[in-house]
Protein backbone atom coordinates (compact mmCIF):
# COMPACT_ATOMS: atom_id res chain seq x y z
CA MET A 1 -2.29 -11.03 5.12
CA SER A 2 -5.88 -12.01 5.66
CA ALA A 3 -7.07 -11.41 9.20
CA SER A 4 -8.08 -15.09 9.42
CA ILE A 5 -4.53 -16.29 8.97
CA ALA A 6 -2.35 -16.49 12.04
CA ALA A 7 0.98 -14.71 12.02
CA THR A 8 3.84 -15.96 14.16
CA ARG A 9 6.07 -13.09 15.17
CA ALA A 10 7.19 -11.07 18.14
CA GLN A 11 5.27 -7.99 19.15
CA PRO A 12 7.17 -4.83 18.10
CA GLN A 13 6.80 -2.84 21.29
CA ALA A 14 8.52 0.19 19.80
CA LEU A 15 5.97 0.52 16.99
CA ALA A 16 3.04 -0.14 19.29
CA GLY A 17 4.33 2.46 21.73
CA GLN A 18 4.76 5.03 19.02
CA ILE A 19 1.30 4.52 17.59
CA LYS A 20 -0.22 4.79 21.07
CA LYS A 21 1.67 8.02 21.60
CA LEU A 22 0.41 9.30 18.27
CA LEU A 23 -3.17 8.50 19.21
CA VAL A 24 -2.82 10.39 22.49
CA LEU A 25 -1.33 13.43 20.80
CA ALA A 26 -3.76 13.51 17.91
CA SER A 27 -7.51 13.17 17.94
CA VAL A 28 -10.03 13.85 15.25
CA VAL A 29 -13.78 14.35 15.23
CA LEU A 30 -15.74 13.14 12.19
CA LEU A 31 -18.28 15.82 11.41
CA ALA A 32 -19.44 14.32 8.14
CA ALA A 33 -18.74 10.76 7.11
CA CYS A 34 -20.03 10.86 3.57
CA SER A 35 -20.95 13.46 1.01
CA THR A 36 -22.46 12.78 -2.37
CA VAL A 37 -21.37 14.77 -5.38
CA PRO A 38 -24.13 17.18 -6.50
CA ARG A 39 -25.13 17.63 -10.11
CA SER A 40 -25.13 21.40 -9.85
CA LYS A 41 -22.12 23.63 -10.38
CA ALA A 42 -19.62 23.78 -7.54
CA PRO A 43 -19.93 26.84 -5.29
CA VAL A 44 -17.24 29.46 -5.00
CA VAL A 45 -14.54 28.52 -2.49
CA ALA A 46 -15.19 30.05 0.90
CA GLU A 47 -12.51 30.05 3.54
CA PRO A 48 -13.77 28.44 6.78
CA SER A 49 -14.03 30.62 9.84
CA ASP A 50 -14.85 27.86 12.33
CA GLY A 51 -11.23 26.97 13.14
CA MET A 52 -11.52 23.56 11.50
CA HIS A 53 -9.11 21.85 9.12
CA ARG A 54 -10.95 20.62 6.05
CA VAL A 55 -9.78 17.29 4.62
CA ALA A 56 -11.35 15.58 1.60
CA LEU A 57 -11.51 11.81 1.19
CA LEU A 58 -11.89 10.88 -2.48
CA LEU A 59 -12.96 7.26 -2.88
CA PRO A 60 -15.33 5.11 -4.97
CA VAL A 61 -18.13 4.18 -2.56
CA THR A 62 -20.39 3.26 -5.47
CA GLY A 63 -19.56 1.38 -8.67
CA PRO A 64 -17.23 -1.56 -9.37
CA ASP A 65 -14.57 -0.51 -6.84
CA ALA A 66 -17.06 0.29 -4.09
CA ASP A 67 -16.00 -2.62 -1.87
CA VAL A 68 -12.41 -1.39 -1.72
CA GLY A 69 -13.42 2.23 -1.42
CA GLN A 70 -15.91 1.54 1.35
CA SER A 71 -13.41 -0.55 3.30
CA ILE A 72 -10.90 2.31 3.17
CA ALA A 73 -13.61 4.80 4.13
CA ASN A 74 -14.60 2.59 7.06
CA ALA A 75 -10.97 2.52 8.15
CA THR A 76 -10.80 6.32 8.19
CA ALA A 77 -13.96 6.41 10.30
CA LEU A 78 -12.40 3.94 12.73
CA ALA A 79 -9.25 6.05 12.96
CA LEU A 80 -11.34 9.15 13.58
CA THR A 81 -13.08 7.37 16.43
CA ASP A 82 -9.80 6.13 17.88
CA THR A 83 -8.44 9.68 18.04
CA LYS A 84 -9.76 12.75 19.80
CA VAL A 85 -8.42 16.01 18.31
CA THR A 86 -11.29 18.38 17.66
CA ASN A 87 -10.09 20.53 14.77
CA ILE A 88 -10.36 18.31 11.69
CA ARG A 89 -13.43 17.98 9.48
CA MET A 90 -13.26 15.10 7.00
CA VAL A 91 -15.81 14.52 4.24
CA THR A 92 -15.98 11.65 1.73
CA TYR A 93 -16.59 12.53 -1.93
CA ASP A 94 -17.68 9.61 -4.11
CA THR A 95 -15.46 9.28 -7.19
CA GLY A 96 -17.81 6.56 -8.42
CA LEU A 97 -20.18 9.38 -9.40
CA GLY A 98 -17.46 11.16 -11.36
CA VAL A 99 -13.85 11.91 -10.47
CA ALA A 100 -13.77 15.48 -11.80
CA ALA A 101 -17.07 16.40 -10.16
CA ALA A 102 -15.96 14.98 -6.82
CA THR A 103 -12.67 16.88 -6.98
CA GLN A 104 -14.28 20.16 -7.96
CA ARG A 105 -16.74 19.91 -5.10
CA ALA A 106 -13.95 19.04 -2.66
CA ILE A 107 -11.95 22.10 -3.71
CA ALA A 108 -15.00 24.35 -3.65
CA ASP A 109 -15.82 23.19 -0.14
CA GLY A 110 -12.51 24.59 1.06
CA ASN A 111 -10.62 21.34 1.64
CA LYS A 112 -6.88 21.91 1.95
CA VAL A 113 -5.66 18.36 1.36
CA ILE A 114 -7.05 15.35 -0.50
CA LEU A 115 -6.75 11.76 0.72
CA GLY A 116 -7.15 9.48 -2.28
CA PRO A 117 -8.09 8.66 -4.94
CA LEU A 118 -7.58 4.93 -5.32
CA ARG A 119 -6.58 4.32 -8.94
CA SER A 120 -3.68 5.92 -10.77
CA ASP A 121 -5.79 7.16 -13.69
CA ASN A 122 -8.02 8.90 -11.18
CA VAL A 123 -4.96 10.49 -9.57
CA ILE A 124 -4.08 12.14 -12.87
CA GLU A 125 -7.60 13.53 -13.22
CA VAL A 126 -7.71 14.79 -9.64
CA ALA A 127 -4.26 16.39 -9.92
CA GLU A 128 -5.30 18.44 -12.95
CA ILE A 129 -7.85 20.18 -10.75
CA ALA A 130 -6.09 20.14 -7.39
CA ARG A 131 -2.66 21.41 -8.46
CA PRO A 132 -3.84 24.82 -9.73
CA ALA A 133 -5.72 25.24 -6.44
CA GLY A 134 -2.61 24.44 -4.41
CA VAL A 135 -4.20 21.38 -2.79
CA PRO A 136 -1.83 18.43 -2.26
CA ILE A 137 -2.88 14.83 -2.83
CA ILE A 138 -2.02 11.83 -0.63
CA SER A 139 -3.14 8.98 -2.85
CA PHE A 140 -3.76 5.32 -2.05
CA SER A 141 -2.25 4.34 -5.42
CA ASN A 142 1.14 2.65 -5.78
CA ASP A 143 1.76 3.73 -9.39
CA VAL A 144 5.07 5.62 -9.29
CA GLY A 145 4.24 7.19 -12.65
CA VAL A 146 1.73 9.58 -11.08
CA ALA A 147 3.84 10.76 -8.12
CA GLY A 148 5.44 14.16 -7.76
CA GLN A 149 4.36 17.80 -7.93
CA ASN A 150 2.36 17.62 -4.72
CA VAL A 151 1.11 14.08 -5.35
CA PHE A 152 2.28 11.66 -2.63
CA LEU A 153 1.72 7.91 -2.80
CA LEU A 154 0.71 6.12 0.38
CA GLY A 155 0.32 2.83 -1.50
CA HIS A 156 2.94 0.11 -1.04
CA LEU A 157 5.55 0.36 -3.81
CA PRO A 158 6.52 -2.95 -5.46
CA ASN A 159 10.15 -1.97 -6.06
CA GLN A 160 10.81 -1.86 -2.30
CA ALA A 161 9.32 -5.32 -1.76
CA ILE A 162 11.43 -6.72 -4.61
CA GLU A 163 14.62 -5.11 -3.29
CA ARG A 164 13.96 -6.43 0.21
CA VAL A 165 13.25 -10.05 -0.71
CA VAL A 166 16.11 -10.25 -3.23
CA LEU A 167 18.58 -8.87 -0.70
CA TYR A 168 17.34 -11.34 1.91
CA ALA A 169 17.68 -14.28 -0.49
CA LYS A 170 21.20 -13.15 -1.38
CA SER A 171 22.08 -13.05 2.32
CA LYS A 172 21.01 -16.68 2.54
CA GLY A 173 23.48 -17.75 -0.14
CA MET A 174 21.35 -17.48 -3.26
CA ASN A 175 23.20 -15.93 -6.17
CA ARG A 176 21.51 -16.82 -9.47
CA PHE A 177 18.09 -15.19 -9.83
CA ALA A 178 15.30 -15.46 -12.38
CA GLY A 179 11.83 -14.00 -12.63
CA VAL A 180 8.33 -14.57 -13.95
CA VAL A 181 6.46 -11.27 -14.21
CA ALA A 182 2.93 -10.32 -15.14
CA SER A 183 2.38 -9.30 -18.75
CA ASN A 184 1.11 -5.83 -17.84
CA VAL A 185 2.44 -2.49 -16.60
CA TYR A 186 3.03 -3.93 -13.14
CA GLY A 187 5.13 -6.69 -14.69
CA GLN A 188 7.11 -4.28 -16.82
CA ARG A 189 8.04 -2.22 -13.80
CA ALA A 190 8.76 -5.34 -11.75
CA GLN A 191 11.16 -6.50 -14.45
CA SER A 192 13.06 -3.23 -14.21
CA ASN A 193 12.94 -3.32 -10.40
CA MET A 194 14.27 -6.86 -10.29
CA THR A 195 17.11 -6.08 -12.66
CA THR A 196 18.16 -3.20 -10.42
CA ALA A 197 17.69 -5.17 -7.20
CA VAL A 198 19.75 -8.18 -8.31
CA ARG A 199 22.54 -5.94 -9.54
CA ALA A 200 22.55 -3.95 -6.28
CA ALA A 201 22.65 -7.16 -4.23
CA GLY A 202 25.63 -8.47 -6.21
CA GLY A 203 23.70 -11.38 -7.72
CA ILE A 204 23.40 -12.74 -11.25
CA LEU A 205 20.18 -12.28 -13.22
CA VAL A 206 19.74 -15.42 -15.30
CA GLY A 207 16.57 -14.30 -17.09
CA ILE A 208 13.03 -12.95 -16.79
CA GLN A 209 9.94 -14.31 -18.53
CA GLU A 210 6.45 -12.85 -18.86
CA SER A 211 3.25 -14.73 -18.10
CA ASN A 212 -0.40 -13.73 -18.32
CA GLY A 213 -1.31 -15.90 -15.35
CA THR A 214 -2.87 -18.76 -17.32
CA ALA A 215 -1.63 -22.32 -17.02
CA ALA A 216 -0.42 -22.42 -20.64
CA SER A 217 1.51 -19.18 -20.28
CA ALA A 218 3.06 -20.29 -16.98
CA GLU A 219 4.14 -23.62 -18.52
CA ALA A 220 5.80 -21.80 -21.43
CA ALA A 221 7.64 -19.43 -19.09
CA ALA A 222 8.81 -22.38 -16.98
CA ARG A 223 10.19 -24.23 -20.01
CA ARG A 224 12.16 -21.21 -21.14
CA LEU A 225 13.64 -20.60 -17.69
CA ALA A 226 14.60 -24.26 -17.32
CA GLN A 227 16.80 -23.96 -20.39
CA MET A 228 18.84 -21.10 -18.90
CA GLY A 229 20.96 -23.12 -16.48
CA ALA A 230 21.11 -23.27 -12.70
CA ILE A 231 18.73 -20.96 -10.82
CA ASP A 232 18.79 -20.44 -7.06
CA ALA A 233 15.68 -18.28 -6.67
CA ILE A 234 12.74 -17.26 -8.86
CA LEU A 235 10.72 -14.10 -8.24
CA VAL A 236 7.05 -14.38 -9.25
CA ALA A 237 5.97 -10.76 -9.60
CA ASP A 238 2.23 -11.22 -9.92
CA SER A 239 -0.86 -11.76 -7.80
CA GLY A 240 -1.30 -14.61 -5.36
CA ARG A 241 -3.74 -16.29 -7.73
CA ALA A 242 -1.20 -16.17 -10.56
CA ALA A 243 1.51 -17.51 -8.25
CA ILE A 244 -0.64 -20.53 -7.36
CA THR A 245 -0.73 -21.33 -11.08
CA THR A 246 2.87 -20.43 -11.86
CA VAL A 247 4.78 -22.21 -9.08
CA PRO A 248 3.53 -25.75 -9.87
CA ALA A 249 4.41 -25.10 -13.53
CA LEU A 250 7.96 -24.15 -12.50
CA ARG A 251 8.29 -27.35 -10.50
CA ARG A 252 6.98 -29.49 -13.35
CA GLY A 253 9.35 -27.71 -15.70
CA GLY A 254 12.37 -28.97 -13.78
CA LEU A 255 12.97 -26.04 -11.43
CA ARG A 256 12.31 -28.19 -8.38
CA THR A 257 14.76 -26.71 -5.89
CA ALA A 258 14.71 -22.98 -6.71
CA LYS A 259 13.44 -20.83 -3.83
CA ILE A 260 10.23 -19.01 -4.74
CA LEU A 261 10.11 -15.29 -4.02
CA GLY A 262 7.17 -12.90 -4.23
CA THR A 263 6.10 -9.29 -3.75
CA ASP A 264 3.77 -7.61 -1.28
CA LEU A 265 0.83 -8.46 -3.56
CA TRP A 266 0.89 -11.82 -1.82
CA ASN A 267 0.12 -10.27 1.55
CA ILE A 268 -3.45 -9.51 0.46
CA ASP A 269 -4.18 -13.10 -0.61
CA GLY A 270 -4.68 -15.47 2.31
CA THR A 271 -5.36 -18.43 -0.03
CA LEU A 272 -1.61 -18.78 -0.52
CA ALA A 273 -1.32 -20.28 2.95
CA GLY A 274 -3.65 -23.06 1.86
CA SER A 275 -1.64 -24.01 -1.24
CA PRO A 276 1.08 -26.63 -0.48
CA PRO A 277 3.20 -25.79 -3.57
CA MET A 278 3.64 -22.29 -2.09
CA TYR A 279 4.96 -23.48 1.26
CA GLY A 280 8.47 -22.21 1.91
CA ALA A 281 8.14 -19.22 -0.43
CA TRP A 282 9.34 -15.83 0.79
CA PHE A 283 7.87 -12.41 0.12
CA ALA A 284 8.50 -8.94 1.51
CA SER A 285 5.68 -6.89 2.96
CA VAL A 286 4.72 -4.45 5.67
CA SER A 287 4.35 -6.03 9.10
CA ASP A 288 1.00 -7.55 10.02
CA THR A 289 1.35 -7.27 13.79
CA LEU A 290 -0.39 -3.92 14.24
CA TYR A 291 -2.69 -4.77 11.36
CA THR A 292 -4.13 -7.76 13.21
CA GLN A 293 -5.02 -5.48 16.13
CA TYR A 294 -6.63 -3.02 13.73
CA ALA A 295 -8.54 -5.81 11.93
CA THR A 296 -10.02 -7.02 15.22
CA LYS A 297 -11.33 -3.54 15.99
CA TYR A 298 -12.61 -3.11 12.44
CA ARG A 299 -14.52 -6.41 12.58
CA ALA A 300 -16.05 -5.48 15.93
CA ARG A 301 -17.35 -2.20 14.56
CA PHE A 302 -18.40 -3.12 11.01
CA GLY A 303 -19.23 -6.80 11.40
CA LYS A 304 -16.82 -8.07 8.78
CA ALA A 305 -13.11 -8.30 8.07
CA PRO A 306 -11.39 -5.31 6.43
CA LEU A 307 -9.77 -5.54 3.04
CA ARG A 308 -5.98 -5.46 3.42
CA LEU A 309 -5.62 -2.14 1.60
CA SER A 310 -7.96 -0.45 4.08
CA SER A 311 -5.06 0.11 6.46
CA LEU A 312 -3.95 2.88 4.10
CA GLY A 313 -7.07 4.80 5.04
CA TYR A 314 -6.42 4.39 8.76
CA ASP A 315 -2.82 5.51 8.38
CA SER A 316 -3.78 8.52 6.26
CA VAL A 317 -5.88 9.84 9.16
CA LEU A 318 -3.06 9.31 11.64
CA LEU A 319 -0.75 11.18 9.27
CA VAL A 320 -3.06 14.17 8.88
CA ALA A 321 -3.73 14.24 12.62
CA ARG A 322 0.00 14.42 13.29
CA VAL A 323 0.52 17.24 10.79
CA ALA A 324 -2.52 19.12 12.11
CA ARG A 325 -0.70 19.78 15.37
CA ASP A 326 1.39 22.41 13.55
CA TRP A 327 -1.10 23.48 10.89
CA ARG A 328 -3.05 26.72 11.32
CA PRO A 329 -6.71 26.34 10.23
CA GLY A 330 -7.59 28.11 7.01
CA THR A 331 -4.01 28.03 5.71
CA ARG A 332 -2.56 25.74 3.08
CA PHE A 333 -1.62 22.23 4.12
CA PRO A 334 2.06 22.24 5.25
CA VAL A 335 3.40 19.91 2.57
CA ALA A 336 6.98 20.27 3.83
CA GLN A 337 6.05 18.34 6.97
CA LEU A 338 5.30 15.25 4.89
CA THR A 339 8.98 14.84 4.06
CA ASP A 340 10.12 14.72 7.68
CA PRO A 341 13.11 12.32 7.52
CA GLN A 342 12.03 10.76 10.84
CA GLY A 343 8.88 9.53 9.14
CA PHE A 344 5.57 8.49 10.65
CA ILE A 345 4.06 5.46 12.36
CA GLY A 346 0.89 3.67 11.29
CA VAL A 347 -0.86 0.32 11.19
CA ASP A 348 1.51 -0.71 8.38
CA GLY A 349 4.57 0.30 10.38
CA ALA A 350 6.98 3.15 9.82
CA PHE A 351 6.95 5.15 6.58
CA ARG A 352 8.20 8.44 5.23
CA PHE A 353 7.66 10.47 2.08
CA ASN A 354 10.39 11.65 -0.26
CA ALA A 355 10.28 14.96 -2.11
CA ASN A 356 9.38 13.08 -5.32
CA GLY A 357 6.16 11.85 -3.72
CA LEU A 358 7.29 8.25 -3.25
CA THR A 359 7.23 6.44 0.09
CA ASP A 360 9.93 4.59 2.00
CA ARG A 361 8.64 1.76 4.18
CA MET A 362 10.08 -0.64 6.73
CA LEU A 363 9.45 -4.11 5.26
CA GLU A 364 9.80 -7.57 6.75
CA VAL A 365 10.21 -10.89 4.96
CA GLN A 366 7.50 -13.49 5.50
CA GLU A 367 7.46 -17.20 4.69
CA ILE A 368 4.34 -19.03 3.57
CA GLN A 369 3.61 -22.00 5.80
CA ALA A 370 0.59 -24.24 6.19
CA GLY A 371 -2.29 -21.95 7.18
CA LYS A 372 -0.16 -18.93 8.03
CA PHE A 373 2.49 -16.41 7.06
CA VAL A 374 5.51 -16.37 9.38
CA THR A 375 8.04 -13.57 9.73
CA VAL A 376 11.56 -14.83 8.98
CA SER A 377 13.26 -11.43 8.84
CA PRO A 378 11.78 -8.56 10.90
CA ALA A 379 11.47 -5.06 9.52
CA PRO A 380 14.41 -2.73 10.29
CA SER A 381 14.01 -0.59 13.40
CA GLN A 382 14.96 2.69 11.71
CA PHE A 383 15.39 4.27 8.31
CA VAL A 384 18.80 4.48 6.69
CA LYS A 385 19.61 8.17 6.45
């Protein structure tokens, strides 16, 4: 949720306590905040003898994705300031100047783990170079298709948000579900995720329609759904902007009482709280309570609000700092520690990695109200074993 939008919820003291404990136990010194990718050939890898852990941050800090990349990079710098362990050296390599070149330089510089990159196609390119070198990747992508074989996804996975909001709606007496999904890869996967989620919740899937986010496409999808009989809830698996177009079309099409459901994509679009047709809609997302604290600190340091995805950068530093407690400098990154079933704590709440590289997260359900997102179902307090 945008930092400018108020959130009404109780303070999760357990999470706050755990993150404070983590910050006390782990501290990191930033020795180099940014490194450009040279045009010359990468040097031969030299093992460090200074007792420092070398961690590479691969992000686009130039080019079309520079705003997102820089916000994440700023978040890592903030996390490094907030912590005080003295044995981690983190350098940023600009993928905007070339993904392969950035990766080769990062490996040649002796980095033992890579944080990033941002996009799934970049993950594939980075992995082709990092895997043979035995360097694991903790990516900010949420594309499940690139996970596995030492590639771990820190990004929020849409299937978990869909499962959570569908299960919550079912618990509130809704049984007949329908969906409008984006006409892209995200939508295709959301369609599969919704089918699985409704079946697991014991509901009935009435139908799913695709929409490209335009008014005409949304109207057509609404007409088709309206012909399928009674519908209790409709999942709009698309961006907040697309939802603002789609929901009025559903209402005009005769689906006036169906509860609107969404995914965690909505949490990064604060304009939803200013759109009356969206009021009352539910979506599942990570908790914003610790995020609002983080956003305040970010704004104080950098003079502007962080992008919502930047919390992934902050949490990646906390994760590495925690693992560094049991990681001998100069040795390979202890990948096995990433799959600790107890998980980790970050700005976005509790999370843990599975052996397949995917992430489990504790999600809450939020309701869109006038000017704010309000928690209507708090995140669980512990993972199901």
